[in-house]
């Protein structure tokens, strides 16, 4: 499973790309390493071949165990070596992996209470690891910030990431909205029709994401992280204003606007 490919870089037009540009030079490589692991684990969790997914994620689990003992081989983990001795960082990295492992096994969620531990494992630990790379540790900030990022990303891709094998929406929400699952999963109908069927759900999800965003009562001094959250907040506003485009997967913010936001952003 090991490889010698260089560290992954976010797409040049993505929010992560512009956020990383605000990071101090000494943190750019470890942040790219964190992004690399997050990306690899996220991709492995949704492999169509369940055996490949489990094998890959278990391999990474063993790699992290070996890394804690000083046996490091993957370039991304090598780049994070100076932080691995910090138990808080190692636990965040391990928690992030476990979050993706749980996401792989997710098939149906009955209530939000079942989903939130996975959200916190993925979103919260990603934020925590990002903070610790900069020497900041603020759990009260990491959890709501991680939830905001997670919900925004899921809402943005709702048009294509809902499948019969991964129905991550809480079923009690769908019952409350009287929304049949088959309407959400039917990708043969046009995006505007799916938007019409799911408009109440879209509003519900965006309100929930905004509520999580409002829970961020602590500021971060990590400028790159502050920029990332601001860009995601801007995206959430765009999602709310373009529900039909949302189901078609076309909502985005122009690179120029992201560049300007990153340029003027302060912690």
C-alpha atoms as a PDB file:
ATOM      1  CA  UNK A   1       0.000   0.000   0.000  1.00  0.00           C
ATOM      2  CA  UNK A   2       2.935   2.352   0.440  1.00  0.00           C
ATOM      3  CA  UNK A   3       3.895   4.827  -2.265  1.00  0.00           C
ATOM      4  CA  UNK A   4       6.561   7.366  -2.979  1.00  0.00           C
ATOM      5  CA  UNK A   5       4.373   9.948  -4.650  1.00  0.00           C
ATOM      6  CA  UNK A   6       4.895  13.550  -3.491  1.00  0.00           C
ATOM      7  CA  UNK A   7       2.483  15.109  -1.055  1.00  0.00           C
ATOM      8  CA  UNK A   8      -0.899  15.957  -2.514  1.00  0.00           C
ATOM      9  CA  UNK A   9      -1.765  19.566  -3.253  1.00  0.00           C
ATOM     10  CA  UNK A  10      -5.292  20.975  -3.106  1.00  0.00           C
ATOM     11  CA  UNK A  11      -6.823  22.015  -6.414  1.00  0.00           C
ATOM     12  CA  UNK A  12      -5.568  25.514  -7.332  1.00  0.00           C
ATOM     13  CA  UNK A  13      -9.111  26.924  -7.272  1.00  0.00           C
ATOM     14  CA  UNK A  14     -10.165  25.280  -3.986  1.00  0.00           C
ATOM     15  CA  UNK A  15     -10.690  26.901  -0.610  1.00  0.00           C
ATOM     16  CA  UNK A  16      -7.952  24.716   0.879  1.00  0.00           C
ATOM     17  CA  UNK A  17      -5.490  25.979  -1.713  1.00  0.00           C
ATOM     18  CA  UNK A  18      -6.115  29.615  -0.805  1.00  0.00           C
ATOM     19  CA  UNK A  19      -6.119  28.813   2.918  1.00  0.00           C
ATOM     20  CA  UNK A  20      -2.734  27.085   2.679  1.00  0.00           C
ATOM     21  CA  UNK A  21      -1.294  30.139   0.986  1.00  0.00           C
ATOM     22  CA  UNK A  22      -1.894  32.022   4.256  1.00  0.00           C
ATOM     23  CA  UNK A  23       0.103  29.511   6.288  1.00  0.00           C
ATOM     24  CA  UNK A  24       3.660  30.283   7.450  1.00  0.00           C
ATOM     25  CA  UNK A  25       6.338  28.654   5.294  1.00  0.00           C
ATOM     26  CA  UNK A  26       7.352  26.229   8.054  1.00  0.00           C
ATOM     27  CA  UNK A  27       3.808  24.795   8.240  1.00  0.00           C
ATOM     28  CA  UNK A  28       3.031  24.449   4.538  1.00  0.00           C
ATOM     29  CA  UNK A  29       4.630  21.000   4.162  1.00  0.00           C
ATOM     30  CA  UNK A  30       3.032  19.447   7.272  1.00  0.00           C
ATOM     31  CA  UNK A  31      -0.335  20.925   6.305  1.00  0.00           C
ATOM     32  CA  UNK A  32      -0.026  19.365   2.854  1.00  0.00           C
ATOM     33  CA  UNK A  33       0.877  16.100   4.597  1.00  0.00           C
ATOM     34  CA  UNK A  34      -2.250  16.345   6.753  1.00  0.00           C
ATOM     35  CA  UNK A  35      -4.318  17.074   3.645  1.00  0.00           C
ATOM     36  CA  UNK A  36      -2.712  14.101   1.872  1.00  0.00           C
ATOM     37  CA  UNK A  37      -3.704  11.685   4.639  1.00  0.00           C
ATOM     38  CA  UNK A  38      -7.197  13.140   4.924  1.00  0.00           C
ATOM     39  CA  UNK A  39      -7.669  12.836   1.148  1.00  0.00           C
ATOM     40  CA  UNK A  40      -6.346   9.267   0.951  1.00  0.00           C
ATOM     41  CA  UNK A  41      -8.484   8.101   3.867  1.00  0.00           C
ATOM     42  CA  UNK A  42     -11.578   9.855   2.533  1.00  0.00           C
ATOM     43  CA  UNK A  43     -11.124   8.253  -0.894  1.00  0.00           C
ATOM     44  CA  UNK A  44     -10.476   4.806   0.585  1.00  0.00           C
ATOM     45  CA  UNK A  45     -13.642   5.023   2.687  1.00  0.00           C
ATOM     46  CA  UNK A  46     -15.812   5.251  -0.437  1.00  0.00           C
ATOM     47  CA  UNK A  47     -14.090   2.636  -2.614  1.00  0.00           C
ATOM     48  CA  UNK A  48     -16.682   0.632  -4.523  1.00  0.00           C
ATOM     49  CA  UNK A  49     -14.859  -2.571  -3.600  1.00  0.00           C
ATOM     50  CA  UNK A  50     -15.520  -3.084   0.137  1.00  0.00           C
ATOM     51  CA  UNK A  51     -12.573  -5.459   0.478  1.00  0.00           C
ATOM     52  CA  UNK A  52     -10.200  -2.900  -1.005  1.00  0.00           C
ATOM     53  CA  UNK A  53     -11.573  -0.213   1.299  1.00  0.00           C
ATOM     54  CA  UNK A  54     -11.146  -2.298   4.441  1.00  0.00           C
ATOM     55  CA  UNK A  55      -7.690  -3.514   3.397  1.00  0.00           C
ATOM     56  CA  UNK A  56      -6.489   0.010   2.635  1.00  0.00           C
ATOM     57  CA  UNK A  57      -7.848   1.576   5.810  1.00  0.00           C
ATOM     58  CA  UNK A  58      -6.495  -1.256   7.968  1.00  0.00           C
ATOM     59  CA  UNK A  59      -3.077  -0.807   6.341  1.00  0.00           C
ATOM     60  CA  UNK A  60      -3.137   2.855   7.328  1.00  0.00           C
ATOM     61  CA  UNK A  61      -4.152   1.876  10.850  1.00  0.00           C
ATOM     62  CA  UNK A  62      -1.045  -0.316  11.122  1.00  0.00           C
ATOM     63  CA  UNK A  63       1.111   2.449   9.615  1.00  0.00           C
ATOM     64  CA  UNK A  64       0.004   4.864  12.329  1.00  0.00           C
ATOM     65  CA  UNK A  65       0.715   2.292  15.030  1.00  0.00           C
ATOM     66  CA  UNK A  66       4.199   1.770  13.563  1.00  0.00           C
ATOM     67  CA  UNK A  67       4.736   5.526  13.303  1.00  0.00           C
ATOM     68  CA  UNK A  68       4.116   5.997  17.003  1.00  0.00           C
ATOM     69  CA  UNK A  69       6.891   3.468  17.635  1.00  0.00           C
ATOM     70  CA  UNK A  70       9.215   5.405  15.315  1.00  0.00           C
ATOM     71  CA  UNK A  71       8.894   3.153  12.256  1.00  0.00           C
ATOM     72  CA  UNK A  72       7.828   5.651   9.589  1.00  0.00           C
ATOM     73  CA  UNK A  73       7.797   5.011   5.835  1.00  0.00           C
ATOM     74  CA  UNK A  74       5.063   7.046   4.127  1.00  0.00           C
ATOM     75  CA  UNK A  75       6.128  10.568   2.982  1.00  0.00           C
ATOM     76  CA  UNK A  76       3.083  12.201   4.559  1.00  0.00           C
ATOM     77  CA  UNK A  77       3.750  10.679   7.965  1.00  0.00           C
ATOM     78  CA  UNK A  78       7.467  11.479   7.658  1.00  0.00           C
ATOM     79  CA  UNK A  79       6.529  15.132   7.124  1.00  0.00           C
ATOM     80  CA  UNK A  80       4.475  15.015  10.335  1.00  0.00           C
ATOM     81  CA  UNK A  81       7.171  13.295  12.412  1.00  0.00           C
ATOM     82  CA  UNK A  82       7.981  16.367  14.581  1.00  0.00           C
ATOM     83  CA  UNK A  83       4.363  16.395  15.812  1.00  0.00           C
ATOM     84  CA  UNK A  84       3.863  12.668  16.359  1.00  0.00           C
ATOM     85  CA  UNK A  85       5.437  12.810  19.809  1.00  0.00           C
ATOM     86  CA  UNK A  86       2.604  15.119  20.902  1.00  0.00           C
ATOM     87  CA  UNK A  87      -0.022  12.698  22.174  1.00  0.00           C
ATOM     88  CA  UNK A  88      -2.800  15.180  21.366  1.00  0.00           C
ATOM     89  CA  UNK A  89      -1.691  15.338  17.739  1.00  0.00           C
ATOM     90  CA  UNK A  90      -1.321  11.577  17.407  1.00  0.00           C
ATOM     91  CA  UNK A  91      -4.783  11.043  18.890  1.00  0.00           C
ATOM     92  CA  UNK A  92      -6.247  13.607  16.479  1.00  0.00           C
ATOM     93  CA  UNK A  93      -4.600  11.863  13.527  1.00  0.00           C
ATOM     94  CA  UNK A  94      -5.748   8.460  14.737  1.00  0.00           C
ATOM     95  CA  UNK A  95      -9.251   9.806  15.421  1.00  0.00           C
ATOM     96  CA  UNK A  96      -9.398  11.229  11.895  1.00  0.00           C
ATOM     97  CA  UNK A  97      -8.572   7.821  10.436  1.00  0.00           C
ATOM     98  CA  UNK A  98     -11.118   6.090  12.665  1.00  0.00           C
ATOM     99  CA  UNK A  99     -13.730   8.614  11.527  1.00  0.00           C
ATOM    100  CA  UNK A 100     -13.144   7.640   7.909  1.00  0.00           C
ATOM    101  CA  UNK A 101     -13.239   3.962   8.861  1.00  0.00           C
ATOM    102  CA  UNK A 102     -16.643   4.453  10.490  1.00  0.00           C
ATOM    103  CA  UNK A 103     -17.809   6.434   7.451  1.00  0.00           C
ATOM    104  CA  UNK A 104     -16.951   3.447   5.271  1.00  0.00           C
ATOM    105  CA  UNK A 105     -19.227   1.200   7.317  1.00  0.00           C
ATOM    106  CA  UNK A 106     -22.079   3.726   7.388  1.00  0.00           C
ATOM    107  CA  UNK A 107     -25.170   2.578   5.513  1.00  0.00           C
ATOM    108  CA  UNK A 108     -28.125   4.060   7.361  1.00  0.00           C
ATOM    109  CA  UNK A 109     -28.487   6.662  10.107  1.00  0.00           C
ATOM    110  CA  UNK A 110     -31.657   6.833  12.175  1.00  0.00           C
ATOM    111  CA  UNK A 111     -30.849   9.987  14.121  1.00  0.00           C
ATOM    112  CA  UNK A 112     -28.359  12.833  14.294  1.00  0.00           C
ATOM    113  CA  UNK A 113     -27.002  11.382  17.544  1.00  0.00           C
ATOM    114  CA  UNK A 114     -25.652   8.422  15.547  1.00  0.00           C
ATOM    115  CA  UNK A 115     -24.005  10.659  12.957  1.00  0.00           C
ATOM    116  CA  UNK A 116     -22.361  13.300  15.152  1.00  0.00           C
ATOM    117  CA  UNK A 117     -19.542  11.072  16.502  1.00  0.00           C
ATOM    118  CA  UNK A 118     -18.433  10.440  12.907  1.00  0.00           C
ATOM    119  CA  UNK A 119     -18.667  14.152  12.072  1.00  0.00           C
ATOM    120  CA  UNK A 120     -16.586  15.062  15.111  1.00  0.00           C
ATOM    121  CA  UNK A 121     -14.056  12.331  14.383  1.00  0.00           C
ATOM    122  CA  UNK A 122     -13.514  13.615  10.851  1.00  0.00           C
ATOM    123  CA  UNK A 123     -14.152  17.349  11.074  1.00  0.00           C
ATOM    124  CA  UNK A 124     -13.084  17.998  14.655  1.00  0.00           C
ATOM    125  CA  UNK A 125      -9.852  15.998  14.470  1.00  0.00           C
ATOM    126  CA  UNK A 126      -8.889  17.562  11.141  1.00  0.00           C
ATOM    127  CA  UNK A 127      -9.227  21.026  12.685  1.00  0.00           C
ATOM    128  CA  UNK A 128      -7.395  19.946  15.850  1.00  0.00           C
ATOM    129  CA  UNK A 129      -4.458  18.551  13.870  1.00  0.00           C
ATOM    130  CA  UNK A 130      -4.324  21.741  11.784  1.00  0.00           C
ATOM    131  CA  UNK A 131      -4.243  23.834  14.959  1.00  0.00           C
ATOM    132  CA  UNK A 132      -1.575  21.736  16.639  1.00  0.00           C
ATOM    133  CA  UNK A 133       0.722  22.063  13.633  1.00  0.00           C
ATOM    134  CA  UNK A 134       0.670  25.785  14.456  1.00  0.00           C
ATOM    135  CA  UNK A 135       1.038  25.246  18.197  1.00  0.00           C
ATOM    136  CA  UNK A 136      -2.593  26.056  19.000  1.00  0.00           C
ATOM    137  CA  UNK A 137      -4.911  23.735  20.912  1.00  0.00           C
ATOM    138  CA  UNK A 138      -8.529  24.776  21.415  1.00  0.00           C
ATOM    139  CA  UNK A 139     -11.075  21.931  21.550  1.00  0.00           C
ATOM    140  CA  UNK A 140     -13.905  24.405  22.142  1.00  0.00           C
ATOM    141  CA  UNK A 141     -13.133  25.869  18.725  1.00  0.00           C
ATOM    142  CA  UNK A 142     -12.268  22.643  16.900  1.00  0.00           C
ATOM    143  CA  UNK A 143     -15.584  20.840  17.384  1.00  0.00           C
ATOM    144  CA  UNK A 144     -17.998  23.483  16.019  1.00  0.00           C
ATOM    145  CA  UNK A 145     -15.506  24.491  13.321  1.00  0.00           C
ATOM    146  CA  UNK A 146     -15.122  20.862  12.249  1.00  0.00           C
ATOM    147  CA  UNK A 147     -18.886  20.372  12.175  1.00  0.00           C
ATOM    148  CA  UNK A 148     -19.318  23.502  10.067  1.00  0.00           C
ATOM    149  CA  UNK A 149     -16.769  22.292   7.514  1.00  0.00           C
ATOM    150  CA  UNK A 150     -18.266  18.802   7.410  1.00  0.00           C
ATOM    151  CA  UNK A 151     -21.861  19.917   6.897  1.00  0.00           C
ATOM    152  CA  UNK A 152     -20.941  22.511   4.276  1.00  0.00           C
ATOM    153  CA  UNK A 153     -18.994  19.947   2.270  1.00  0.00           C
ATOM    154  CA  UNK A 154     -21.745  17.337   2.504  1.00  0.00           C
ATOM    155  CA  UNK A 155     -24.466  19.800   1.503  1.00  0.00           C
ATOM    156  CA  UNK A 156     -22.390  21.013  -1.417  1.00  0.00           C
ATOM    157  CA  UNK A 157     -22.118  17.487  -2.837  1.00  0.00           C
ATOM    158  CA  UNK A 158     -25.582  16.275  -1.914  1.00  0.00           C
ATOM    159  CA  UNK A 159     -26.552  15.960  -5.576  1.00  0.00           C
ATOM    160  CA  UNK A 160     -24.268  12.981  -6.082  1.00  0.00           C
ATOM    161  CA  UNK A 161     -23.058  11.681  -2.710  1.00  0.00           C
ATOM    162  CA  UNK A 162     -26.354  10.193  -1.581  1.00  0.00           C
ATOM    163  CA  UNK A 163     -26.462   6.521  -2.572  1.00  0.00           C
ATOM    164  CA  UNK A 164     -28.433   3.477  -1.424  1.00  0.00           C
ATOM    165  CA  UNK A 165     -25.230   2.141   0.178  1.00  0.00           C
ATOM    166  CA  UNK A 166     -24.465   5.387   2.000  1.00  0.00           C
ATOM    167  CA  UNK A 167     -27.652   7.108   3.065  1.00  0.00           C
ATOM    168  CA  UNK A 168     -26.068   9.445   5.596  1.00  0.00           C
ATOM    169  CA  UNK A 169     -29.077  11.709   6.167  1.00  0.00           C
ATOM    170  CA  UNK A 170     -30.802  11.007   9.512  1.00  0.00           C
ATOM    171  CA  UNK A 171     -33.965   9.102   8.711  1.00  0.00           C
ATOM    172  CA  UNK A 172     -35.939  10.933  11.379  1.00  0.00           C
ATOM    173  CA  UNK A 173     -35.262  14.176   9.483  1.00  0.00           C
ATOM    174  CA  UNK A 174     -36.724  12.673   6.317  1.00  0.00           C
ATOM    175  CA  UNK A 175     -39.759  11.432   8.220  1.00  0.00           C
ATOM    176  CA  UNK A 176     -40.231  14.859   9.758  1.00  0.00           C
ATOM    177  CA  UNK A 177     -40.120  16.448   6.290  1.00  0.00           C
ATOM    178  CA  UNK A 178     -42.263  13.650   4.794  1.00  0.00           C
ATOM    179  CA  UNK A 179     -39.635  13.165   2.111  1.00  0.00           C
ATOM    180  CA  UNK A 180     -39.409   9.710   0.478  1.00  0.00           C
ATOM    181  CA  UNK A 181     -35.870   8.398   0.101  1.00  0.00           C
ATOM    182  CA  UNK A 182     -36.462   7.271  -3.478  1.00  0.00           C
ATOM    183  CA  UNK A 183     -36.942  10.877  -4.615  1.00  0.00           C
ATOM    184  CA  UNK A 184     -33.523  11.838  -3.243  1.00  0.00           C
ATOM    185  CA  UNK A 185     -31.766   8.875  -4.775  1.00  0.00           C
ATOM    186  CA  UNK A 186     -33.372   9.092  -8.205  1.00  0.00           C
ATOM    187  CA  UNK A 187     -30.572  10.629 -10.292  1.00  0.00           C
ATOM    188  CA  UNK A 188     -32.421   9.971 -13.557  1.00  0.00           C
ATOM    189  CA  UNK A 189     -34.644  13.015 -13.062  1.00  0.00           C
ATOM    190  CA  UNK A 190     -33.405  16.519 -13.801  1.00  0.00           C
ATOM    191  CA  UNK A 191     -31.570  18.546 -11.185  1.00  0.00           C
ATOM    192  CA  UNK A 192     -34.296  21.187 -11.026  1.00  0.00           C
ATOM    193  CA  UNK A 193     -36.861  18.487 -10.265  1.00  0.00           C
ATOM    194  CA  UNK A 194     -34.649  17.017  -7.552  1.00  0.00           C
ATOM    195  CA  UNK A 195     -34.219  20.533  -6.168  1.00  0.00           C
ATOM    196  CA  UNK A 196     -37.988  20.971  -6.106  1.00  0.00           C
ATOM    197  CA  UNK A 197     -38.492  17.662  -4.307  1.00  0.00           C
ATOM    198  CA  UNK A 198     -35.684  18.378  -1.859  1.00  0.00           C
ATOM    199  CA  UNK A 199     -36.094  22.109  -1.239  1.00  0.00           C
ATOM    200  CA  UNK A 200     -37.361  21.624   2.314  1.00  0.00           C
ATOM    201  CA  UNK A 201     -34.444  19.320   3.048  1.00  0.00           C
ATOM    202  CA  UNK A 202     -31.980  21.783   1.532  1.00  0.00           C
ATOM    203  CA  UNK A 203     -33.308  24.564   3.757  1.00  0.00           C
ATOM    204  CA  UNK A 204     -33.186  22.254   6.766  1.00  0.00           C
ATOM    205  CA  UNK A 205     -29.572  21.243   6.121  1.00  0.00           C
ATOM    206  CA  UNK A 206     -28.369  24.789   5.515  1.00  0.00           C
ATOM    207  CA  UNK A 207     -30.068  26.018   8.683  1.00  0.00           C
ATOM    208  CA  UNK A 208     -28.385  23.207  10.585  1.00  0.00           C
ATOM    209  CA  UNK A 209     -24.976  24.092   9.136  1.00  0.00           C
ATOM    210  CA  UNK A 210     -25.517  27.742  10.016  1.00  0.00           C
ATOM    211  CA  UNK A 211     -26.490  26.758  13.557  1.00  0.00           C
ATOM    212  CA  UNK A 212     -23.209  24.847  13.875  1.00  0.00           C
ATOM    213  CA  UNK A 213     -21.381  27.867  12.458  1.00  0.00           C
ATOM    214  CA  UNK A 214     -23.000  30.062  15.119  1.00  0.00           C
ATOM    215  CA  UNK A 215     -21.560  27.767  17.789  1.00  0.00           C
ATOM    216  CA  UNK A 216     -18.043  28.948  16.901  1.00  0.00           C
ATOM    217  CA  UNK A 217     -17.642  31.356  19.803  1.00  0.00           C
ATOM    218  CA  UNK A 218     -13.845  31.083  20.101  1.00  0.00           C
ATOM    219  CA  UNK A 219     -11.539  32.659  17.549  1.00  0.00           C
ATOM    220  CA  UNK A 220      -8.441  31.006  16.174  1.00  0.00           C
ATOM    221  CA  UNK A 221      -5.121  32.800  15.788  1.00  0.00           C
ATOM    222  CA  UNK A 222      -4.209  30.438  12.948  1.00  0.00           C
ATOM    223  CA  UNK A 223      -4.667  32.666   9.921  1.00  0.00           C
ATOM    224  CA  UNK A 224      -4.861  29.861   7.371  1.00  0.00           C
ATOM    225  CA  UNK A 225      -7.582  28.127   9.366  1.00  0.00           C
ATOM    226  CA  UNK A 226      -9.523  31.351   9.823  1.00  0.00           C
ATOM    227  CA  UNK A 227      -9.351  31.879   6.059  1.00  0.00           C
ATOM    228  CA  UNK A 228     -10.607  28.354   5.360  1.00  0.00           C
ATOM    229  CA  UNK A 229     -13.611  28.839   7.634  1.00  0.00           C
ATOM    230  CA  UNK A 230     -14.466  32.206   6.106  1.00  0.00           C
ATOM    231  CA  UNK A 231     -14.349  30.704   2.610  1.00  0.00           C
ATOM    232  CA  UNK A 232     -16.611  27.857   3.728  1.00  0.00           C
ATOM    233  CA  UNK A 233     -19.015  30.358   5.315  1.00  0.00           C
ATOM    234  CA  UNK A 234     -19.146  32.223   2.007  1.00  0.00           C
ATOM    235  CA  UNK A 235     -19.854  28.950   0.218  1.00  0.00           C
ATOM    236  CA  UNK A 236     -22.695  28.179   2.612  1.00  0.00           C
ATOM    237  CA  UNK A 237     -24.275  31.511   1.691  1.00  0.00           C
ATOM    238  CA  UNK A 238     -23.953  30.648  -1.997  1.00  0.00           C
ATOM    239  CA  UNK A 239     -25.550  27.248  -1.426  1.00  0.00           C
ATOM    240  CA  UNK A 240     -28.528  28.902   0.202  1.00  0.00           C
ATOM    241  CA  UNK A 241     -29.033  31.294  -2.693  1.00  0.00           C
ATOM    242  CA  UNK A 242     -28.789  28.664  -5.459  1.00  0.00           C
ATOM    243  CA  UNK A 243     -30.743  25.558  -4.396  1.00  0.00           C
ATOM    244  CA  UNK A 244     -31.360  24.346  -7.956  1.00  0.00           C
ATOM    245  CA  UNK A 245     -27.701  24.662  -8.900  1.00  0.00           C
ATOM    246  CA  UNK A 246     -26.834  22.878  -5.657  1.00  0.00           C
ATOM    247  CA  UNK A 247     -28.516  19.638  -6.753  1.00  0.00           C
ATOM    248  CA  UNK A 248     -26.678  19.876 -10.073  1.00  0.00           C
ATOM    249  CA  UNK A 249     -23.365  20.197  -8.220  1.00  0.00           C
ATOM    250  CA  UNK A 250     -22.527  23.536  -9.802  1.00  0.00           C
ATOM    251  CA  UNK A 251     -22.347  25.918  -6.835  1.00  0.00           C
ATOM    252  CA  UNK A 252     -18.913  27.398  -6.305  1.00  0.00           C
ATOM    253  CA  UNK A 253     -17.131  30.656  -5.550  1.00  0.00           C
ATOM    254  CA  UNK A 254     -14.887  32.203  -8.167  1.00  0.00           C
ATOM    255  CA  UNK A 255     -11.121  31.880  -7.633  1.00  0.00           C
ATOM    256  CA  UNK A 256     -10.803  35.669  -7.810  1.00  0.00           C
ATOM    257  CA  UNK A 257     -13.272  36.106  -4.957  1.00  0.00           C
ATOM    258  CA  UNK A 258     -11.505  33.444  -2.914  1.00  0.00           C
ATOM    259  CA  UNK A 259      -8.171  35.126  -3.582  1.00  0.00           C
ATOM    260  CA  UNK A 260      -9.515  38.471  -2.366  1.00  0.00           C
ATOM    261  CA  UNK A 261     -11.028  36.914   0.754  1.00  0.00           C
ATOM    262  CA  UNK A 262      -7.747  35.202   1.567  1.00  0.00           C
ATOM    263  CA  UNK A 263      -5.828  38.407   0.923  1.00  0.00           C
ATOM    264  CA  UNK A 264      -7.921  40.464   3.333  1.00  0.00           C
ATOM    265  CA  UNK A 265      -8.691  37.795   5.948  1.00  0.00           C
ATOM    266  CA  UNK A 266      -7.551  38.348   9.526  1.00  0.00           C
ATOM    267  CA  UNK A 267      -7.844  35.897  12.466  1.00  0.00           C
END
